[in-house]
């Protein structure tokens, strides 16, 4: 397998693992003692961080950069 395909596969696996952990943590905080309104700030932080995680995944693994294109002659 090529390096870029491995980056895509492992990057997606890592992003999904981080997502499942943080969403599970936020859900358990909201359904526990804190309640929905007590857990809302953590939900906002969680969704903001996940947006950054998936943006970094897209920027690193999926976006075509100028240096990645083969030279044209």
Protein backbone atom coordinates (compact mmCIF):
# COMPACT_ATOMS: atom_id res chain seq x y z
CA UNK A 1 0.00 0.00 0.00
CA UNK A 2 1.13 3.51 -0.65
CA UNK A 3 2.01 5.98 2.07
CA UNK A 4 -0.96 8.25 1.30
CA UNK A 5 -3.50 5.40 1.53
CA UNK A 6 -2.08 4.33 4.88
CA UNK A 7 -2.31 7.93 6.13
CA UNK A 8 -5.95 8.09 5.06
CA UNK A 9 -6.85 4.77 6.74
CA UNK A 10 -5.01 5.36 10.02
CA UNK A 11 -6.01 9.02 10.17
CA UNK A 12 -9.67 8.10 9.83
CA UNK A 13 -9.34 5.33 12.42
CA UNK A 14 -7.70 7.75 14.87
CA UNK A 15 -10.31 10.45 14.26
CA UNK A 16 -13.13 7.96 14.84
CA UNK A 17 -11.53 6.71 18.06
CA UNK A 18 -11.13 10.25 19.38
CA UNK A 19 -14.72 11.01 18.37
CA UNK A 20 -16.17 7.97 20.09
CA UNK A 21 -14.21 8.67 23.27
CA UNK A 22 -15.08 12.37 23.54
CA UNK A 23 -18.75 11.95 22.55
CA UNK A 24 -19.10 9.08 25.05
CA UNK A 25 -17.50 11.21 27.74
CA UNK A 26 -19.79 14.15 26.97
CA UNK A 27 -22.84 11.90 26.97
CA UNK A 28 -21.93 10.36 30.30
CA UNK A 29 -21.36 13.79 31.86
CA UNK A 30 -24.71 15.06 30.55
CA UNK A 31 -26.68 12.02 31.66
CA UNK A 32 -25.05 11.88 35.08
CA UNK A 33 -25.07 14.28 37.99
CA UNK A 34 -24.42 17.40 35.89
CA UNK A 35 -27.56 17.01 33.78
CA UNK A 36 -28.04 18.47 30.33
CA UNK A 37 -27.46 22.11 31.23
CA UNK A 38 -24.44 21.31 33.36
CA UNK A 39 -22.94 19.24 30.55
CA UNK A 40 -23.71 21.76 27.81
CA UNK A 41 -20.39 23.65 28.09
CA UNK A 42 -18.54 20.35 27.75
CA UNK A 43 -20.63 19.49 24.67
CA UNK A 44 -19.69 22.83 23.10
CA UNK A 45 -16.00 22.21 23.79
CA UNK A 46 -16.27 18.63 22.51
CA UNK A 47 -17.91 19.62 19.23
CA UNK A 48 -15.38 22.43 18.71
CA UNK A 49 -12.46 20.07 19.28
CA UNK A 50 -13.95 17.44 16.96
CA UNK A 51 -14.36 20.07 14.25
CA UNK A 52 -10.64 20.80 14.60
CA UNK A 53 -9.78 17.08 14.53
CA UNK A 54 -11.69 16.48 11.30
CA UNK A 55 -10.35 19.67 9.71
CA UNK A 56 -6.80 18.54 10.48
CA UNK A 57 -7.58 15.09 9.04
CA UNK A 58 -8.89 16.67 5.86
CA UNK A 59 -5.98 19.12 5.64
CA UNK A 60 -3.33 16.46 6.26
CA UNK A 61 -4.68 13.44 4.41
CA UNK A 62 -7.30 14.42 1.86
CA UNK A 63 -6.56 17.91 0.54
CA UNK A 64 -4.47 18.14 -2.59
CA UNK A 65 -1.57 20.49 -2.04
CA UNK A 66 0.44 22.20 -4.77
CA UNK A 67 3.55 20.15 -3.97
CA UNK A 68 1.67 16.84 -4.23
CA UNK A 69 0.74 17.16 -7.87
CA UNK A 70 2.96 15.52 -10.47
CA UNK A 71 4.93 17.93 -12.63
CA UNK A 72 3.46 18.77 -16.01
CA UNK A 73 5.70 19.06 -19.03
